[in-house]
Amino acid sequence: MTIEEIKIKLEDAFPGATIELINTSSMHVGHGAKGYHLKTTIEYSGFRGLSLIEQHRLVQKALKDELNGIIHALSIKTIV
């Protein structure tokens, strides 16, 4: 799965959201981790009324399979 395919998966999970997804893997070369290191910012009106933890859990749920596989680390910033 490519970074673009991961972004599309987020866009499908959060329709109408503004999503930025950055591959930061190059900053982690040498520590032996396998998989992508990603940083995402998601601005989504559907987060309104949810706690920060609930917002992040929704993002983690959307990428559950990838977080158990090709994504080693994911930094999440959510905006309502």
N, C-alpha and C. Protein backbone atom coordinates (compact mmCIF):
# COMPACT_ATOMS: atom_id res chain seq x y z
N MET A 1 0.85 -1.18 0.00
CA MET A 1 0.00 0.00 0.00
C MET A 1 0.89 1.24 0.00
N THR A 2 0.50 2.20 -0.81
CA THR A 2 1.28 3.43 -0.92
C THR A 2 0.75 4.49 0.06
N ILE A 3 1.51 5.56 0.21
CA ILE A 3 1.08 6.68 1.04
C ILE A 3 -0.21 7.27 0.48
N GLU A 4 -0.30 7.39 -0.83
CA GLU A 4 -1.50 7.94 -1.47
C GLU A 4 -2.71 7.06 -1.17
N GLU A 5 -2.54 5.75 -1.18
CA GLU A 5 -3.65 4.83 -0.87
C GLU A 5 -4.09 4.97 0.59
N ILE A 6 -3.15 5.21 1.48
CA ILE A 6 -3.48 5.43 2.88
C ILE A 6 -4.28 6.73 3.02
N LYS A 7 -3.87 7.76 2.30
CA LYS A 7 -4.59 9.04 2.33
C LYS A 7 -6.01 8.87 1.81
N ILE A 8 -6.18 8.12 0.75
CA ILE A 8 -7.51 7.86 0.19
C ILE A 8 -8.38 7.12 1.22
N LYS A 9 -7.79 6.20 1.94
CA LYS A 9 -8.52 5.48 2.98
C LYS A 9 -9.00 6.46 4.06
N LEU A 10 -8.17 7.41 4.44
CA LEU A 10 -8.57 8.43 5.41
C LEU A 10 -9.68 9.32 4.84
N GLU A 11 -9.54 9.69 3.59
CA GLU A 11 -10.57 10.53 2.95
C GLU A 11 -11.92 9.81 2.89
N ASP A 12 -11.89 8.51 2.68
CA ASP A 12 -13.12 7.72 2.67
C ASP A 12 -13.73 7.65 4.07
N ALA A 13 -12.89 7.56 5.09
CA ALA A 13 -13.37 7.45 6.47
C ALA A 13 -13.88 8.77 7.01
N PHE A 14 -13.34 9.88 6.49
CA PHE A 14 -13.69 11.22 6.96
C PHE A 14 -14.10 12.10 5.77
N PRO A 15 -15.29 11.84 5.21
CA PRO A 15 -15.71 12.57 4.00
C PRO A 15 -15.80 14.07 4.25
N GLY A 16 -15.25 14.81 3.32
CA GLY A 16 -15.27 16.27 3.41
C GLY A 16 -14.15 16.85 4.25
N ALA A 17 -13.33 16.00 4.84
CA ALA A 17 -12.24 16.48 5.68
C ALA A 17 -11.09 17.02 4.83
N THR A 18 -10.33 17.91 5.44
CA THR A 18 -9.06 18.33 4.86
C THR A 18 -7.99 17.48 5.52
N ILE A 19 -7.26 16.73 4.71
CA ILE A 19 -6.29 15.77 5.25
C ILE A 19 -4.92 16.03 4.66
N GLU A 20 -3.96 16.12 5.55
CA GLU A 20 -2.55 16.21 5.16
C GLU A 20 -1.87 14.96 5.71
N LEU A 21 -1.14 14.27 4.86
CA LEU A 21 -0.43 13.06 5.27
C LEU A 21 1.01 13.18 4.78
N ILE A 22 1.95 13.15 5.71
CA ILE A 22 3.36 13.33 5.39
C ILE A 22 4.14 12.09 5.80
N ASN A 23 4.97 11.62 4.90
CA ASN A 23 5.85 10.49 5.19
C ASN A 23 7.11 11.04 5.85
N THR A 24 7.32 10.71 7.13
CA THR A 24 8.51 11.16 7.86
C THR A 24 9.51 10.03 8.07
N SER A 25 9.37 8.96 7.32
CA SER A 25 10.22 7.79 7.49
C SER A 25 11.71 8.10 7.37
N SER A 26 12.05 9.04 6.49
CA SER A 26 13.47 9.36 6.28
C SER A 26 14.12 9.93 7.53
N MET A 27 13.32 10.47 8.45
CA MET A 27 13.86 11.03 9.69
C MET A 27 14.20 9.95 10.71
N HIS A 28 13.83 8.70 10.40
CA HIS A 28 13.98 7.61 11.36
C HIS A 28 14.88 6.49 10.84
N VAL A 29 15.65 6.78 9.82
CA VAL A 29 16.55 5.80 9.24
C VAL A 29 17.60 5.41 10.29
N GLY A 30 17.85 4.12 10.40
CA GLY A 30 18.91 3.68 11.29
C GLY A 30 18.45 3.10 12.61
N HIS A 31 17.18 3.27 12.96
CA HIS A 31 16.77 2.67 14.22
C HIS A 31 16.12 1.31 14.04
N GLY A 32 16.14 0.80 12.84
CA GLY A 32 15.76 -0.58 12.57
C GLY A 32 14.27 -0.85 12.49
N ALA A 33 13.44 0.15 12.58
CA ALA A 33 12.00 -0.08 12.50
C ALA A 33 11.59 -0.32 11.06
N LYS A 34 10.67 -1.23 10.87
CA LYS A 34 10.15 -1.51 9.54
C LYS A 34 8.77 -0.89 9.43
N GLY A 35 8.50 -0.28 8.31
CA GLY A 35 7.20 0.33 8.08
C GLY A 35 7.29 1.84 8.01
N TYR A 36 6.19 2.42 7.60
CA TYR A 36 6.12 3.87 7.45
C TYR A 36 6.07 4.59 8.80
N HIS A 37 6.67 5.75 8.84
CA HIS A 37 6.47 6.74 9.91
C HIS A 37 5.70 7.87 9.24
N LEU A 38 4.49 8.13 9.73
CA LEU A 38 3.62 9.10 9.09
C LEU A 38 3.15 10.15 10.08
N LYS A 39 2.85 11.32 9.54
CA LYS A 39 2.31 12.42 10.32
C LYS A 39 1.07 12.90 9.58
N THR A 40 -0.07 12.96 10.29
CA THR A 40 -1.29 13.39 9.63
C THR A 40 -1.97 14.51 10.42
N THR A 41 -2.55 15.41 9.68
CA THR A 41 -3.41 16.45 10.24
C THR A 41 -4.75 16.32 9.53
N ILE A 42 -5.80 16.19 10.33
CA ILE A 42 -7.14 16.01 9.77
C ILE A 42 -8.07 17.06 10.36
N GLU A 43 -8.62 17.89 9.49
CA GLU A 43 -9.61 18.88 9.89
C GLU A 43 -10.97 18.35 9.44
N TYR A 44 -11.83 18.05 10.43
CA TYR A 44 -13.07 17.35 10.11
C TYR A 44 -14.18 17.80 11.06
N SER A 45 -15.27 18.27 10.51
CA SER A 45 -16.37 18.76 11.35
C SER A 45 -17.00 17.64 12.16
N GLY A 46 -16.85 16.41 11.73
CA GLY A 46 -17.38 15.26 12.46
C GLY A 46 -16.70 15.02 13.79
N PHE A 47 -15.59 15.68 14.04
CA PHE A 47 -14.91 15.56 15.33
C PHE A 47 -15.57 16.44 16.40
N ARG A 48 -16.46 17.34 15.98
CA ARG A 48 -17.10 18.27 16.92
C ARG A 48 -17.82 17.49 18.02
N GLY A 49 -17.57 17.88 19.26
CA GLY A 49 -18.20 17.25 20.41
C GLY A 49 -17.47 16.03 20.94
N LEU A 50 -16.44 15.61 20.24
CA LEU A 50 -15.65 14.46 20.68
C LEU A 50 -14.39 14.92 21.40
N SER A 51 -13.97 14.14 22.37
CA SER A 51 -12.71 14.45 23.06
C SER A 51 -11.55 14.17 22.10
N LEU A 52 -10.40 14.70 22.42
CA LEU A 52 -9.21 14.46 21.61
C LEU A 52 -8.91 12.96 21.51
N ILE A 53 -9.08 12.25 22.59
CA ILE A 53 -8.84 10.81 22.58
C ILE A 53 -9.81 10.11 21.64
N GLU A 54 -11.08 10.51 21.69
CA GLU A 54 -12.08 9.90 20.80
C GLU A 54 -11.76 10.21 19.34
N GLN A 55 -11.31 11.42 19.05
CA GLN A 55 -10.93 11.79 17.69
C GLN A 55 -9.78 10.92 17.20
N HIS A 56 -8.77 10.77 18.03
CA HIS A 56 -7.60 9.98 17.64
C HIS A 56 -7.96 8.50 17.49
N ARG A 57 -8.86 8.03 18.32
CA ARG A 57 -9.29 6.63 18.20
C ARG A 57 -10.00 6.38 16.87
N LEU A 58 -10.77 7.37 16.41
CA LEU A 58 -11.42 7.23 15.10
C LEU A 58 -10.40 7.11 13.98
N VAL A 59 -9.34 7.91 14.06
CA VAL A 59 -8.28 7.84 13.05
C VAL A 59 -7.59 6.49 13.13
N GLN A 60 -7.28 6.04 14.33
CA GLN A 60 -6.62 4.75 14.50
C GLN A 60 -7.50 3.60 14.01
N LYS A 61 -8.81 3.71 14.24
CA LYS A 61 -9.74 2.69 13.78
C LYS A 61 -9.77 2.64 12.26
N ALA A 62 -9.74 3.81 11.62
CA ALA A 62 -9.76 3.87 10.15
C ALA A 62 -8.53 3.20 9.54
N LEU A 63 -7.42 3.25 10.28
CA LEU A 63 -6.16 2.67 9.76
C LEU A 63 -5.73 1.44 10.56
N LYS A 64 -6.69 0.76 11.16
CA LYS A 64 -6.39 -0.38 12.03
C LYS A 64 -5.48 -1.42 11.35
N ASP A 65 -5.85 -1.84 10.15
CA ASP A 65 -5.06 -2.87 9.46
C ASP A 65 -3.65 -2.38 9.17
N GLU A 66 -3.54 -1.13 8.74
CA GLU A 66 -2.23 -0.57 8.40
C GLU A 66 -1.36 -0.39 9.65
N LEU A 67 -1.99 -0.01 10.77
CA LEU A 67 -1.23 0.16 12.02
C LEU A 67 -0.74 -1.18 12.56
N ASN A 68 -1.39 -2.25 12.16
CA ASN A 68 -0.94 -3.59 12.53
C ASN A 68 -0.02 -4.19 11.48
N GLY A 69 0.40 -3.35 10.52
CA GLY A 69 1.23 -3.86 9.43
C GLY A 69 2.23 -2.84 8.93
N ILE A 70 1.87 -2.11 7.88
CA ILE A 70 2.84 -1.28 7.18
C ILE A 70 3.15 0.06 7.82
N ILE A 71 2.33 0.47 8.80
CA ILE A 71 2.62 1.74 9.49
C ILE A 71 3.26 1.41 10.83
N HIS A 72 4.48 1.89 11.01
CA HIS A 72 5.21 1.68 12.27
C HIS A 72 4.85 2.74 13.30
N ALA A 73 4.70 3.99 12.85
CA ALA A 73 4.39 5.09 13.76
C ALA A 73 3.48 6.08 13.05
N LEU A 74 2.53 6.64 13.82
CA LEU A 74 1.59 7.60 13.25
C LEU A 74 1.39 8.73 14.24
N SER A 75 1.76 9.93 13.83
CA SER A 75 1.52 11.14 14.60
C SER A 75 0.21 11.75 14.10
N ILE A 76 -0.71 12.03 15.02
CA ILE A 76 -2.04 12.51 14.64
C ILE A 76 -2.31 13.88 15.24
N LYS A 77 -2.79 14.79 14.40
CA LYS A 77 -3.30 16.08 14.86
C LYS A 77 -4.69 16.21 14.27
N THR A 78 -5.68 16.44 15.13
CA THR A 78 -7.04 16.61 14.66
C THR A 78 -7.51 18.03 14.95
N ILE A 79 -8.33 18.54 14.05
CA ILE A 79 -8.87 19.89 14.15
C ILE A 79 -10.36 19.82 13.84
N VAL A 80 -11.16 20.50 14.65
CA VAL A 80 -12.61 20.55 14.41
C VAL A 80 -12.91 21.73 13.51
